[in-house]
Amino acid sequence: MPRVQAIYHTGFIVEDLEKALDFYTRVLGMNIEREPAVSDTPWIAEVVGYTEVKMRQAYVGVGDGHSIELIEYMHPRGQTRSDQFDRNRPGSAHAAMVVDDVPSWRERLAVEGIKTFGPDYERDLEYPWARYAIYFQDPDGNWLEMVSRDPTPEDSTQN
């Protein structure tokens, strides 16, 4: 039976790649792991299922082997979803990251005008459970989550 070997990246569709890169690098402090590039080959058209596709994409991350791929469709151009705020609809998704200090991140995001959801108190739970957690959206409505939790025990196989 075939098997999945690794989680490679999570893809987010964005309206403006430069604006998205500013958010992920300046606000979240991620690094550009793959510089912006245009993809418009017949091969990528077959992969995504749009004929004559043209997209700009870049990858950001923190060097742990899992990146966020930011994709701006230049053709065909998409419209903002009317249900972008709903995170409970099947097909909705989010990317979560472990951070050192959720309360400080909540304050930093507030300074940027970003609304967060999540309690402002710490839970007393052991790894792998989050002690603090917040949800928020990037400028294009893609959902993100930040959690802080105890370090991974040496013998743990849990994520």
C-alpha atoms as a PDB file:
ATOM      1  CA  MET A   1       0.000   0.000   0.000  1.00  0.00           C
ATOM      2  CA  PRO A   2       1.362   3.484  -0.820  1.00  0.00           C
ATOM      3  CA  ARG A   3       2.051   5.716   2.160  1.00  0.00           C
ATOM      4  CA  VAL A   4       2.401   9.409   2.904  1.00  0.00           C
ATOM      5  CA  GLN A   5       6.055  10.166   3.707  1.00  0.00           C
ATOM      6  CA  ALA A   6       5.877  13.755   5.005  1.00  0.00           C
ATOM      7  CA  ILE A   7       3.653  16.821   5.207  1.00  0.00           C
ATOM      8  CA  TYR A   8       5.262  19.130   2.638  1.00  0.00           C
ATOM      9  CA  HIS A   9       3.303  22.391   2.662  1.00  0.00           C
ATOM     10  CA  THR A  10      -0.066  24.003   3.234  1.00  0.00           C
ATOM     11  CA  GLY A  11      -1.341  26.167   0.380  1.00  0.00           C
ATOM     12  CA  PHE A  12      -3.261  29.417   0.807  1.00  0.00           C
ATOM     13  CA  ILE A  13      -4.819  31.416  -2.020  1.00  0.00           C
ATOM     14  CA  VAL A  14      -4.109  35.144  -1.753  1.00  0.00           C
ATOM     15  CA  GLU A  15      -5.252  38.186  -3.694  1.00  0.00           C
ATOM     16  CA  ASP A  16      -1.908  40.007  -3.672  1.00  0.00           C
ATOM     17  CA  LEU A  17       1.280  37.983  -3.181  1.00  0.00           C
ATOM     18  CA  GLU A  18       3.371  40.980  -2.072  1.00  0.00           C
ATOM     19  CA  LYS A  19       0.808  41.937   0.588  1.00  0.00           C
ATOM     20  CA  ALA A  20       0.660  38.335   1.813  1.00  0.00           C
ATOM     21  CA  LEU A  21       4.461  38.093   1.957  1.00  0.00           C
ATOM     22  CA  ASP A  22       4.573  41.289   4.018  1.00  0.00           C
ATOM     23  CA  PHE A  23       2.103  39.807   6.507  1.00  0.00           C
ATOM     24  CA  TYR A  24       3.835  36.447   6.858  1.00  0.00           C
ATOM     25  CA  THR A  25       7.360  37.891   7.060  1.00  0.00           C
ATOM     26  CA  ARG A  26       6.922  41.247   8.835  1.00  0.00           C
ATOM     27  CA  VAL A  27       3.986  40.438  11.134  1.00  0.00           C
ATOM     28  CA  LEU A  28       4.543  36.720  11.785  1.00  0.00           C
ATOM     29  CA  GLY A  29       8.334  36.757  11.395  1.00  0.00           C
ATOM     30  CA  MET A  30       8.514  33.869   8.929  1.00  0.00           C
ATOM     31  CA  ASN A  31      11.234  33.559   6.310  1.00  0.00           C
ATOM     32  CA  ILE A  32      10.799  33.358   2.572  1.00  0.00           C
ATOM     33  CA  GLU A  33      11.804  29.774   1.833  1.00  0.00           C
ATOM     34  CA  ARG A  34      11.126  29.966  -1.894  1.00  0.00           C
ATOM     35  CA  GLU A  35      11.226  33.294  -3.707  1.00  0.00           C
ATOM     36  CA  PRO A  36       8.180  34.460  -5.704  1.00  0.00           C
ATOM     37  CA  ALA A  37       7.928  32.810  -9.110  1.00  0.00           C
ATOM     38  CA  VAL A  38       5.412  32.640 -11.936  1.00  0.00           C
ATOM     39  CA  SER A  39       3.988  29.241 -12.886  1.00  0.00           C
ATOM     40  CA  ASP A  40       2.183  29.065 -16.225  1.00  0.00           C
ATOM     41  CA  THR A  41       3.184  25.757 -17.772  1.00  0.00           C
ATOM     42  CA  PRO A  42       0.835  23.117 -19.223  1.00  0.00           C
ATOM     43  CA  TRP A  43       2.006  20.801 -16.440  1.00  0.00           C
ATOM     44  CA  ILE A  44       0.828  23.127 -13.615  1.00  0.00           C
ATOM     45  CA  ALA A  45      -2.435  23.672 -15.526  1.00  0.00           C
ATOM     46  CA  GLU A  46      -3.014  19.915 -15.384  1.00  0.00           C
ATOM     47  CA  VAL A  47      -2.077  19.767 -11.692  1.00  0.00           C
ATOM     48  CA  VAL A  48      -4.566  22.474 -10.604  1.00  0.00           C
ATOM     49  CA  GLY A  49      -7.196  21.702 -13.233  1.00  0.00           C
ATOM     50  CA  TYR A  50      -7.405  25.117 -14.932  1.00  0.00           C
ATOM     51  CA  THR A  51      -6.474  25.464 -18.595  1.00  0.00           C
ATOM     52  CA  GLU A  52      -4.013  28.234 -19.388  1.00  0.00           C
ATOM     53  CA  VAL A  53      -3.402  28.931 -15.698  1.00  0.00           C
ATOM     54  CA  LYS A  54      -0.976  31.617 -14.582  1.00  0.00           C
ATOM     55  CA  MET A  55      -0.094  32.008 -10.933  1.00  0.00           C
ATOM     56  CA  ARG A  56       2.522  33.638  -8.735  1.00  0.00           C
ATOM     57  CA  GLN A  57       3.621  31.663  -5.742  1.00  0.00           C
ATOM     58  CA  ALA A  58       6.113  31.819  -2.903  1.00  0.00           C
ATOM     59  CA  TYR A  59       6.802  29.705   0.170  1.00  0.00           C
ATOM     60  CA  VAL A  60       7.226  30.984   3.732  1.00  0.00           C
ATOM     61  CA  GLY A  61       8.107  29.101   6.881  1.00  0.00           C
ATOM     62  CA  VAL A  62      10.286  28.747   9.931  1.00  0.00           C
ATOM     63  CA  GLY A  63      12.737  26.129   8.685  1.00  0.00           C
ATOM     64  CA  ASP A  64      11.051  23.068  10.188  1.00  0.00           C
ATOM     65  CA  GLY A  65      10.331  21.353   6.851  1.00  0.00           C
ATOM     66  CA  HIS A  66       6.688  22.427   6.521  1.00  0.00           C
ATOM     67  CA  SER A  67       6.039  25.572   4.518  1.00  0.00           C
ATOM     68  CA  ILE A  68       3.027  27.717   3.714  1.00  0.00           C
ATOM     69  CA  GLU A  69       2.678  28.153  -0.031  1.00  0.00           C
ATOM     70  CA  LEU A  70       1.107  31.484  -0.968  1.00  0.00           C
ATOM     71  CA  ILE A  71      -0.585  31.407  -4.380  1.00  0.00           C
ATOM     72  CA  GLU A  72      -1.911  34.407  -6.308  1.00  0.00           C
ATOM     73  CA  TYR A  73      -3.972  33.250  -9.288  1.00  0.00           C
ATOM     74  CA  MET A  74      -3.375  35.758 -12.054  1.00  0.00           C
ATOM     75  CA  HIS A  75      -5.507  33.696 -14.478  1.00  0.00           C
ATOM     76  CA  PRO A  76      -8.162  32.599 -13.833  1.00  0.00           C
ATOM     77  CA  ARG A  77      -8.643  35.300 -11.232  1.00  0.00           C
ATOM     78  CA  GLY A  78     -10.833  34.251  -8.289  1.00  0.00           C
ATOM     79  CA  GLN A  79     -13.263  36.282  -6.202  1.00  0.00           C
ATOM     80  CA  THR A  80     -13.257  36.517  -2.401  1.00  0.00           C
ATOM     81  CA  ARG A  81     -15.530  33.890  -0.905  1.00  0.00           C
ATOM     82  CA  SER A  82     -18.675  35.180   0.760  1.00  0.00           C
ATOM     83  CA  ASP A  83     -18.251  32.659   3.598  1.00  0.00           C
ATOM     84  CA  GLN A  84     -14.584  33.478   4.294  1.00  0.00           C
ATOM     85  CA  PHE A  85     -15.323  34.301   7.931  1.00  0.00           C
ATOM     86  CA  ASP A  86     -17.059  30.979   8.600  1.00  0.00           C
ATOM     87  CA  ARG A  87     -14.541  28.494   9.889  1.00  0.00           C
ATOM     88  CA  ASN A  88     -17.061  25.749  10.669  1.00  0.00           C
ATOM     89  CA  ARG A  89     -18.015  24.901   7.075  1.00  0.00           C
ATOM     90  CA  PRO A  90     -16.785  21.594   5.649  1.00  0.00           C
ATOM     91  CA  GLY A  91     -13.860  22.412   3.395  1.00  0.00           C
ATOM     92  CA  SER A  92     -12.660  25.233   5.623  1.00  0.00           C
ATOM     93  CA  ALA A  93      -9.104  24.847   6.874  1.00  0.00           C
ATOM     94  CA  HIS A  94      -6.470  26.408   9.069  1.00  0.00           C
ATOM     95  CA  ALA A  95      -2.740  26.102   9.641  1.00  0.00           C
ATOM     96  CA  ALA A  96      -1.547  25.953  13.233  1.00  0.00           C
ATOM     97  CA  MET A  97       1.838  26.873  14.625  1.00  0.00           C
ATOM     98  CA  VAL A  98       3.469  26.413  18.013  1.00  0.00           C
ATOM     99  CA  VAL A  99       4.658  29.721  19.457  1.00  0.00           C
ATOM    100  CA  ASP A 100       6.490  30.680  22.616  1.00  0.00           C
ATOM    101  CA  ASP A 101       3.993  33.146  24.081  1.00  0.00           C
ATOM    102  CA  VAL A 102       0.384  33.326  22.845  1.00  0.00           C
ATOM    103  CA  PRO A 103      -0.552  36.347  25.014  1.00  0.00           C
ATOM    104  CA  SER A 104       2.299  38.383  23.503  1.00  0.00           C
ATOM    105  CA  TRP A 105       1.255  37.319  20.017  1.00  0.00           C
ATOM    106  CA  ARG A 106      -2.333  38.344  20.771  1.00  0.00           C
ATOM    107  CA  GLU A 107      -1.058  41.845  21.693  1.00  0.00           C
ATOM    108  CA  ARG A 108       1.161  42.044  18.591  1.00  0.00           C
ATOM    109  CA  LEU A 109      -1.701  41.043  16.313  1.00  0.00           C
ATOM    110  CA  ALA A 110      -4.021  43.584  17.971  1.00  0.00           C
ATOM    111  CA  VAL A 111      -1.499  46.345  17.191  1.00  0.00           C
ATOM    112  CA  GLU A 112      -1.767  45.260  13.520  1.00  0.00           C
ATOM    113  CA  GLY A 113      -5.584  45.508  13.742  1.00  0.00           C
ATOM    114  CA  ILE A 114      -6.062  41.741  13.585  1.00  0.00           C
ATOM    115  CA  LYS A 115      -8.987  40.274  15.526  1.00  0.00           C
ATOM    116  CA  THR A 116      -8.226  37.117  17.469  1.00  0.00           C
ATOM    117  CA  PHE A 117     -10.471  34.499  19.020  1.00  0.00           C
ATOM    118  CA  GLY A 118      -9.542  32.466  22.067  1.00  0.00           C
ATOM    119  CA  PRO A 119      -9.531  32.615  25.842  1.00  0.00           C
ATOM    120  CA  ASP A 120      -7.051  34.866  27.600  1.00  0.00           C
ATOM    121  CA  TYR A 121      -6.269  32.337  30.325  1.00  0.00           C
ATOM    122  CA  GLU A 122      -3.884  29.392  30.459  1.00  0.00           C
ATOM    123  CA  ARG A 123      -5.095  25.822  30.838  1.00  0.00           C
ATOM    124  CA  ASP A 124      -3.166  23.447  33.082  1.00  0.00           C
ATOM    125  CA  LEU A 125      -2.752  20.574  30.622  1.00  0.00           C
ATOM    126  CA  GLU A 126       0.276  18.494  29.709  1.00  0.00           C
ATOM    127  CA  TYR A 127       1.687  17.863  26.242  1.00  0.00           C
ATOM    128  CA  PRO A 128       0.281  17.477  23.579  1.00  0.00           C
ATOM    129  CA  TRP A 129      -2.606  19.740  24.597  1.00  0.00           C
ATOM    130  CA  ALA A 130      -2.462  23.492  24.095  1.00  0.00           C
ATOM    131  CA  ARG A 131      -2.215  25.641  27.204  1.00  0.00           C
ATOM    132  CA  TYR A 132      -3.078  28.820  25.260  1.00  0.00           C
ATOM    133  CA  ALA A 133      -4.551  29.097  21.757  1.00  0.00           C
ATOM    134  CA  ILE A 134      -5.863  31.778  19.406  1.00  0.00           C
ATOM    135  CA  TYR A 135      -7.454  31.790  15.956  1.00  0.00           C
ATOM    136  CA  PHE A 136      -7.140  34.682  13.494  1.00  0.00           C
ATOM    137  CA  GLN A 137      -7.163  35.403   9.779  1.00  0.00           C
ATOM    138  CA  ASP A 138      -4.483  36.593   7.402  1.00  0.00           C
ATOM    139  CA  PRO A 139      -5.335  39.576   5.145  1.00  0.00           C
ATOM    140  CA  ASP A 140      -7.016  37.214   2.641  1.00  0.00           C
ATOM    141  CA  GLY A 141      -9.200  35.439   5.184  1.00  0.00           C
ATOM    142  CA  ASN A 142      -7.099  32.273   5.532  1.00  0.00           C
ATOM    143  CA  TRP A 143      -7.384  30.961   9.079  1.00  0.00           C
ATOM    144  CA  LEU A 144      -4.344  30.536  11.315  1.00  0.00           C
ATOM    145  CA  GLU A 145      -3.979  29.215  14.847  1.00  0.00           C
ATOM    146  CA  MET A 146      -1.238  29.818  17.393  1.00  0.00           C
ATOM    147  CA  VAL A 147      -0.765  27.535  20.381  1.00  0.00           C
ATOM    148  CA  SER A 148       1.689  27.328  23.221  1.00  0.00           C
ATOM    149  CA  ARG A 149       2.192  24.053  25.009  1.00  0.00           C
ATOM    150  CA  ASP A 150       4.685  22.046  27.011  1.00  0.00           C
ATOM    151  CA  PRO A 151       7.787  20.781  25.186  1.00  0.00           C
ATOM    152  CA  THR A 152       7.532  17.415  23.466  1.00  0.00           C
ATOM    153  CA  PRO A 153       8.614  14.618  25.833  1.00  0.00           C
ATOM    154  CA  GLU A 154      11.578  12.658  24.481  1.00  0.00           C
ATOM    155  CA  ASP A 155       9.664   9.391  24.198  1.00  0.00           C
ATOM    156  CA  SER A 156       6.440  10.891  22.774  1.00  0.00           C
ATOM    157  CA  THR A 157       5.041   9.930  19.386  1.00  0.00           C
ATOM    158  CA  GLN A 158       2.156  12.422  19.682  1.00  0.00           C
ATOM    159  CA  ASN A 159       1.994  15.662  17.740  1.00  0.00           C
END
